[in-house]
């Protein structure tokens, strides 16, 4: 659950009111895919309280299938983010003590008919702690057996991990099990350890079985596939805030590939979705639909 200091530009410590929204990388990606015409089921665990119910209601609002969203009791809590809509010096305060989503188990992921889906999207946060880590690897194995594409959003959040070394080992392992790996320069650097992150992205795609997208913020991205690579620029916008761009990118990329568009077009549509989101308040509520995305791309050519 995201709480945004309102109106935009207000600092948290000076806010007199806040607006609420669905939050979290996995939920934001789900909302992005739904807005762009896809169909999504979310696999997660929420707390047995008002915040957990808020999340369920919001997922339904976006049309996300909640059949695999389970509830845990006790002291577990769904996460809360208190954030600002500011382009510079944007504060984000995250509460994840006893995070409910880390309660995902093998039993939860074993119930899914993976063959009914086109892609399993994994976020790096789900790998940060047990039992969610083991359950996520189990889901990846079951998806692989069913012939389903696996996409990994590295989504490295230092506060979720016991150490950078642990994150490197686990996320690099997940990357090797994935067909599509997306991360920014920091996230690939974490997975690469002592090696160069860009080289890791290139190596992941070297065998032709994987796509690796190495994002570099305002410098655009480099995409590797089938031993080839191409660079893609960004769409220049005046941002309201920096959050939500990566989730929008994943939604734009995957829905474009699912629609049969070529990889470079898919990357550009992901970049355009990211640009739109940073100009709007919120993350899930800011995700564009296909009409908005097409209009934006037509009016704002990408920076090369």
Protein backbone atom coordinates (compact mmCIF):
# COMPACT_ATOMS: atom_id res chain seq x y z
CA UNK A 1 0.00 0.00 0.00
CA UNK A 2 1.46 3.34 -1.11
CA UNK A 3 0.65 6.60 0.68
CA UNK A 4 1.55 9.69 -1.35
CA UNK A 5 2.06 13.07 0.30
CA UNK A 6 -0.60 15.33 -1.19
CA UNK A 7 -0.62 17.63 -3.13
CA UNK A 8 2.31 16.71 -5.44
CA UNK A 9 5.53 18.38 -4.40
CA UNK A 10 4.71 18.18 -0.68
CA UNK A 11 7.36 16.69 1.59
CA UNK A 12 6.18 13.89 3.86
CA UNK A 13 7.05 15.72 7.04
CA UNK A 14 4.99 18.70 5.93
CA UNK A 15 1.99 16.80 4.57
CA UNK A 16 -1.47 17.25 6.06
CA UNK A 17 -3.06 14.55 3.89
CA UNK A 18 -2.07 11.54 1.81
CA UNK A 19 -3.59 9.69 -1.14
CA UNK A 20 -3.54 5.88 -1.24
CA UNK A 21 -2.68 3.53 -4.09
CA UNK A 22 -1.78 -0.07 -4.83
CA UNK A 23 1.98 -0.50 -4.58
CA UNK A 24 4.87 -2.95 -4.70
CA UNK A 25 6.78 -3.98 -7.80
CA UNK A 26 4.86 -7.18 -8.52
CA UNK A 27 1.47 -5.50 -8.13
CA UNK A 28 2.57 -2.52 -10.22
CA UNK A 29 3.74 -4.82 -13.01
CA UNK A 30 0.41 -6.64 -12.85
CA UNK A 31 -1.47 -3.35 -13.14
CA UNK A 32 0.76 -2.29 -16.04
CA UNK A 33 0.06 -5.50 -17.96
CA UNK A 34 -3.68 -5.28 -17.33
CA UNK A 35 -3.82 -1.67 -18.49
CA UNK A 36 -2.09 -2.69 -21.73
CA UNK A 37 -4.60 -5.44 -22.48
CA UNK A 38 -2.94 -8.43 -20.88
CA UNK A 39 -4.33 -10.96 -18.41
CA UNK A 40 -2.56 -11.41 -15.07
CA UNK A 41 -2.78 -13.55 -11.95
CA UNK A 42 -0.66 -12.43 -8.99
CA UNK A 43 1.04 -14.95 -6.70
CA UNK A 44 1.61 -13.41 -3.27
CA UNK A 45 0.66 -13.35 0.41
CA UNK A 46 -1.08 -10.45 2.15
CA UNK A 47 -1.76 -9.77 5.81
CA UNK A 48 -5.07 -10.60 7.48
CA UNK A 49 -5.99 -7.00 8.20
CA UNK A 50 -7.37 -3.84 6.63
CA UNK A 51 -4.21 -3.19 4.59
CA UNK A 52 -4.30 -6.71 3.16
CA UNK A 53 -7.95 -6.24 2.23
CA UNK A 54 -7.14 -2.88 0.63
CA UNK A 55 -4.55 -4.60 -1.56
CA UNK A 56 -7.00 -7.33 -2.60
CA UNK A 57 -9.63 -4.74 -3.48
CA UNK A 58 -7.16 -2.70 -5.49
CA UNK A 59 -5.96 -5.75 -7.42
CA UNK A 60 -9.57 -6.52 -8.34
CA UNK A 61 -10.04 -2.89 -9.35
CA UNK A 62 -7.29 -3.33 -11.97
CA UNK A 63 -8.73 -6.67 -13.08
CA UNK A 64 -5.91 -8.78 -11.66
CA UNK A 65 -6.83 -12.39 -10.88
CA UNK A 66 -6.43 -12.86 -7.10
CA UNK A 67 -6.98 -16.64 -7.08
CA UNK A 68 -3.38 -17.15 -5.94
CA UNK A 69 -3.30 -14.33 -3.40
CA UNK A 70 -3.39 -15.94 0.04
CA UNK A 71 -3.70 -14.47 3.52
CA UNK A 72 -1.43 -14.95 6.52
CA UNK A 73 -2.24 -14.11 10.12
CA UNK A 74 -0.21 -13.48 13.25
CA UNK A 75 2.19 -10.53 13.24
CA UNK A 76 2.89 -10.58 9.49
CA UNK A 77 2.06 -7.32 7.75
CA UNK A 78 1.69 -6.22 4.16
CA UNK A 79 4.23 -3.55 3.32
CA UNK A 80 3.57 0.17 3.53
CA UNK A 81 5.40 2.84 1.52
CA UNK A 82 5.14 6.55 2.37
CA UNK A 83 6.42 8.46 -0.63
CA UNK A 84 6.59 11.84 -2.29
CA UNK A 85 5.72 13.08 -5.76
CA UNK A 86 8.92 15.04 -6.29
CA UNK A 87 11.39 14.87 -9.18
CA UNK A 88 14.40 15.70 -7.00
CA UNK A 89 15.31 14.56 -3.50
CA UNK A 90 12.27 12.28 -3.46
CA UNK A 91 11.86 10.61 -0.08
CA UNK A 92 10.47 7.09 0.20
CA UNK A 93 9.98 5.49 3.61
CA UNK A 94 9.37 1.74 3.42
CA UNK A 95 7.91 -0.36 6.24
CA UNK A 96 8.65 -4.08 5.74
CA UNK A 97 9.03 -5.49 9.24
CA UNK A 98 7.57 -9.01 9.19
CA UNK A 99 6.66 -8.63 5.51
CA UNK A 100 3.70 -10.85 4.66
CA UNK A 101 4.85 -11.52 1.09
CA UNK A 102 7.91 -13.37 2.39
CA UNK A 103 5.48 -16.02 3.75
CA UNK A 104 5.01 -17.47 0.25
CA UNK A 105 5.64 -21.24 0.39
CA UNK A 106 6.13 -24.21 -1.92
CA UNK A 107 2.54 -25.17 -1.19
CA UNK A 108 1.27 -21.89 -2.59
CA UNK A 109 3.13 -22.16 -5.89
CA UNK A 110 2.47 -25.89 -6.37
CA UNK A 111 -1.26 -25.26 -6.91
CA UNK A 112 -0.80 -23.29 -10.13
CA UNK A 113 -1.42 -24.65 -13.63
CA UNK A 114 1.60 -22.93 -15.19
CA UNK A 115 0.76 -24.17 -18.66
CA UNK A 116 -2.28 -21.89 -18.67
CA UNK A 117 0.03 -18.85 -18.74
CA UNK A 118 2.44 -17.42 -21.26
CA UNK A 119 5.01 -16.06 -18.82
CA UNK A 120 6.06 -16.25 -15.18
CA UNK A 121 7.34 -12.86 -14.02
CA UNK A 122 9.66 -12.99 -11.00
CA UNK A 123 10.71 -9.95 -8.98
CA UNK A 124 14.03 -9.98 -7.17
CA UNK A 125 12.43 -9.02 -3.88
CA UNK A 126 10.67 -12.40 -3.73
CA UNK A 127 14.13 -14.03 -3.59
CA UNK A 128 15.43 -12.03 -0.65
CA UNK A 129 14.22 -14.25 2.19
CA UNK A 130 12.88 -17.72 2.97
CA UNK A 131 10.39 -19.30 2.55
CA UNK A 132 9.57 -16.99 -0.37
CA UNK A 133 12.99 -17.62 -1.95
CA UNK A 134 12.56 -21.37 -2.12
CA UNK A 135 8.96 -21.01 -3.30
CA UNK A 136 10.05 -18.67 -6.09
CA UNK A 137 12.71 -21.07 -7.32
CA UNK A 138 10.13 -23.86 -7.14
CA UNK A 139 7.72 -21.78 -9.25
CA UNK A 140 10.49 -21.17 -11.78
CA UNK A 141 11.19 -24.91 -11.99
CA UNK A 142 7.50 -25.73 -12.47
CA UNK A 143 7.15 -23.02 -15.11
CA UNK A 144 10.18 -24.38 -16.93
CA UNK A 145 8.68 -27.89 -16.92
CA UNK A 146 5.49 -26.44 -18.42
CA UNK A 147 7.43 -24.67 -21.18
CA UNK A 148 6.53 -21.21 -19.88
CA UNK A 149 8.77 -18.19 -20.47
CA UNK A 150 10.38 -16.85 -17.29
CA UNK A 151 11.10 -13.13 -16.96
CA UNK A 152 13.19 -11.77 -14.09
CA UNK A 153 13.03 -8.17 -12.89
CA UNK A 154 16.18 -7.95 -10.73
CA UNK A 155 14.46 -5.33 -8.51
CA UNK A 156 17.37 -5.09 -6.04
CA UNK A 157 16.32 -3.42 -2.79
CA UNK A 158 19.27 -3.45 -0.35
CA UNK A 159 17.04 -3.28 2.73
CA UNK A 160 15.47 -6.64 1.83
CA UNK A 161 18.76 -8.57 1.79
CA UNK A 162 21.11 -9.63 4.57
CA UNK A 163 24.09 -8.68 2.39
CA UNK A 164 25.06 -7.65 -1.13
CA UNK A 165 27.00 -10.91 -1.46
CA UNK A 166 23.85 -12.92 -0.76
CA UNK A 167 21.91 -10.89 -3.31
CA UNK A 168 24.64 -11.49 -5.89
CA UNK A 169 24.57 -15.26 -5.42
CA UNK A 170 20.79 -15.67 -5.40
CA UNK A 171 19.90 -13.17 -8.12
CA UNK A 172 22.65 -14.44 -10.43
CA UNK A 173 21.28 -17.96 -9.97
CA UNK A 174 17.77 -16.76 -10.83
CA UNK A 175 19.08 -14.93 -13.89
CA UNK A 176 20.62 -18.13 -15.24
CA UNK A 177 17.22 -19.81 -14.94
CA UNK A 178 15.37 -17.04 -16.78
CA UNK A 179 14.60 -16.39 -20.44
CA UNK A 180 14.34 -12.61 -20.02
CA UNK A 181 16.44 -10.65 -17.51
CA UNK A 182 15.80 -6.96 -16.91
CA UNK A 183 17.79 -4.74 -14.58
CA UNK A 184 19.48 -1.39 -14.27
CA UNK A 185 23.22 -0.85 -14.13
CA UNK A 186 23.28 -1.16 -10.32
CA UNK A 187 21.31 -4.41 -10.36
CA UNK A 188 23.51 -6.02 -13.00
CA UNK A 189 26.57 -4.87 -11.05
CA UNK A 190 25.21 -6.65 -7.97
CA UNK A 191 24.65 -9.87 -9.93
CA UNK A 192 28.06 -9.60 -11.59
CA UNK A 193 29.98 -9.28 -8.33
CA UNK A 194 33.60 -8.52 -9.16
CA UNK A 195 32.87 -8.56 -12.90
CA UNK A 196 31.32 -5.94 -15.17
CA UNK A 197 27.52 -5.79 -15.16
CA UNK A 198 27.31 -5.03 -18.88
CA UNK A 199 29.47 -8.07 -19.61
CA UNK A 200 27.11 -10.19 -17.52
CA UNK A 201 24.12 -8.98 -19.52
CA UNK A 202 25.96 -9.83 -22.73
CA UNK A 203 26.96 -13.26 -21.41
CA UNK A 204 23.41 -14.12 -20.30
CA UNK A 205 22.17 -13.65 -23.86
CA UNK A 206 25.20 -15.17 -25.57
CA UNK A 207 23.68 -18.62 -26.02
CA UNK A 208 20.63 -17.26 -27.82
CA UNK A 209 18.20 -18.57 -25.21
CA UNK A 210 17.81 -15.34 -23.26
CA UNK A 211 17.07 -11.66 -23.64
CA UNK A 212 18.93 -9.28 -21.33
CA UNK A 213 17.97 -5.62 -21.04
CA UNK A 214 20.59 -3.45 -19.33
CA UNK A 215 18.96 -0.16 -18.31
CA UNK A 216 21.05 2.96 -17.74
CA UNK A 217 18.55 5.61 -16.63
CA UNK A 218 18.71 8.76 -18.74
CA UNK A 219 21.30 7.08 -20.99
CA UNK A 220 18.72 4.59 -22.24
CA UNK A 221 19.34 0.86 -22.42
CA UNK A 222 21.30 -1.87 -24.17
CA UNK A 223 19.46 -5.04 -25.18
CA UNK A 224 21.25 -8.31 -25.88
CA UNK A 225 19.68 -11.24 -27.75
CA UNK A 226 20.94 -14.05 -30.00
CA UNK A 227 24.48 -12.73 -29.90
CA UNK A 228 23.37 -9.32 -31.12
CA UNK A 229 22.73 -6.04 -29.30
CA UNK A 230 21.08 -2.69 -29.85
CA UNK A 231 20.90 0.55 -27.91
CA UNK A 232 17.66 2.37 -27.20
CA UNK A 233 17.26 5.95 -26.04
CA UNK A 234 14.74 7.35 -23.59
CA UNK A 235 11.70 9.53 -24.12
CA UNK A 236 12.49 12.97 -22.75
CA UNK A 237 9.81 14.14 -20.30
CA UNK A 238 9.50 16.43 -17.31
CA UNK A 239 9.21 13.97 -14.43
CA UNK A 240 7.04 14.44 -11.36
CA UNK A 241 8.78 11.61 -9.51
CA UNK A 242 11.27 8.78 -10.21
CA UNK A 243 9.21 5.77 -9.06
CA UNK A 244 7.30 3.20 -11.09
CA UNK A 245 9.35 3.43 -14.28
CA UNK A 246 10.86 -0.06 -14.06
CA UNK A 247 7.50 -1.69 -13.45
CA UNK A 248 5.96 0.16 -16.39
CA UNK A 249 8.89 -0.89 -18.59
CA UNK A 250 8.32 -4.55 -17.78
CA UNK A 251 4.61 -4.27 -18.51
CA UNK A 252 5.21 -2.49 -21.81
CA UNK A 253 7.90 -4.93 -22.90
CA UNK A 254 6.01 -8.13 -22.09
CA UNK A 255 2.66 -7.09 -23.56
CA UNK A 256 4.42 -5.99 -26.73
CA UNK A 257 6.26 -9.30 -27.09
CA UNK A 258 3.02 -11.19 -26.37
CA UNK A 259 1.36 -9.21 -29.17
CA UNK A 260 4.03 -10.44 -31.60
CA UNK A 261 5.96 -7.18 -31.92
CA UNK A 262 9.68 -7.33 -32.57
CA UNK A 263 12.10 -6.96 -29.67
CA UNK A 264 13.30 -3.45 -30.47
CA UNK A 265 9.74 -2.16 -30.76
CA UNK A 266 8.88 -3.88 -27.49
CA UNK A 267 11.80 -2.20 -25.72
CA UNK A 268 10.78 1.19 -27.08
CA UNK A 269 7.19 0.68 -25.93
CA UNK A 270 8.49 -0.28 -22.49
CA UNK A 271 10.60 2.88 -22.42
CA UNK A 272 7.60 4.98 -23.44
CA UNK A 273 5.44 3.42 -20.70
CA UNK A 274 8.18 4.23 -18.18
CA UNK A 275 8.32 7.84 -19.37
CA UNK A 276 4.56 8.25 -19.01
CA UNK A 277 4.48 6.87 -15.47
CA UNK A 278 7.07 9.28 -14.07
CA UNK A 279 4.94 12.23 -15.25
CA UNK A 280 1.93 11.08 -13.21
CA UNK A 281 1.06 10.67 -9.54
CA UNK A 282 1.34 7.14 -8.20
CA UNK A 283 2.64 3.97 -9.79
CA UNK A 284 -0.21 1.53 -10.45
CA UNK A 285 -2.69 4.38 -11.15
CA UNK A 286 -0.17 5.98 -13.52
CA UNK A 287 0.19 3.01 -15.87
CA UNK A 288 -0.91 3.90 -19.44
CA UNK A 289 -3.34 2.02 -21.64
CA UNK A 290 -2.63 1.16 -25.27
CA UNK A 291 -4.30 4.28 -26.63
CA UNK A 292 -2.29 6.55 -24.33
CA UNK A 293 0.91 4.71 -25.14
CA UNK A 294 0.39 4.98 -28.91
CA UNK A 295 -0.45 8.67 -28.66
CA UNK A 296 2.62 9.35 -26.54
CA UNK A 297 4.98 7.53 -28.90
CA UNK A 298 3.55 9.38 -31.90
CA UNK A 299 4.15 12.75 -30.25
CA UNK A 300 7.46 12.18 -28.47
CA UNK A 301 10.15 10.46 -30.53
CA UNK A 302 12.70 8.53 -28.48
CA UNK A 303 16.12 9.99 -27.83
CA UNK A 304 18.72 8.04 -29.81
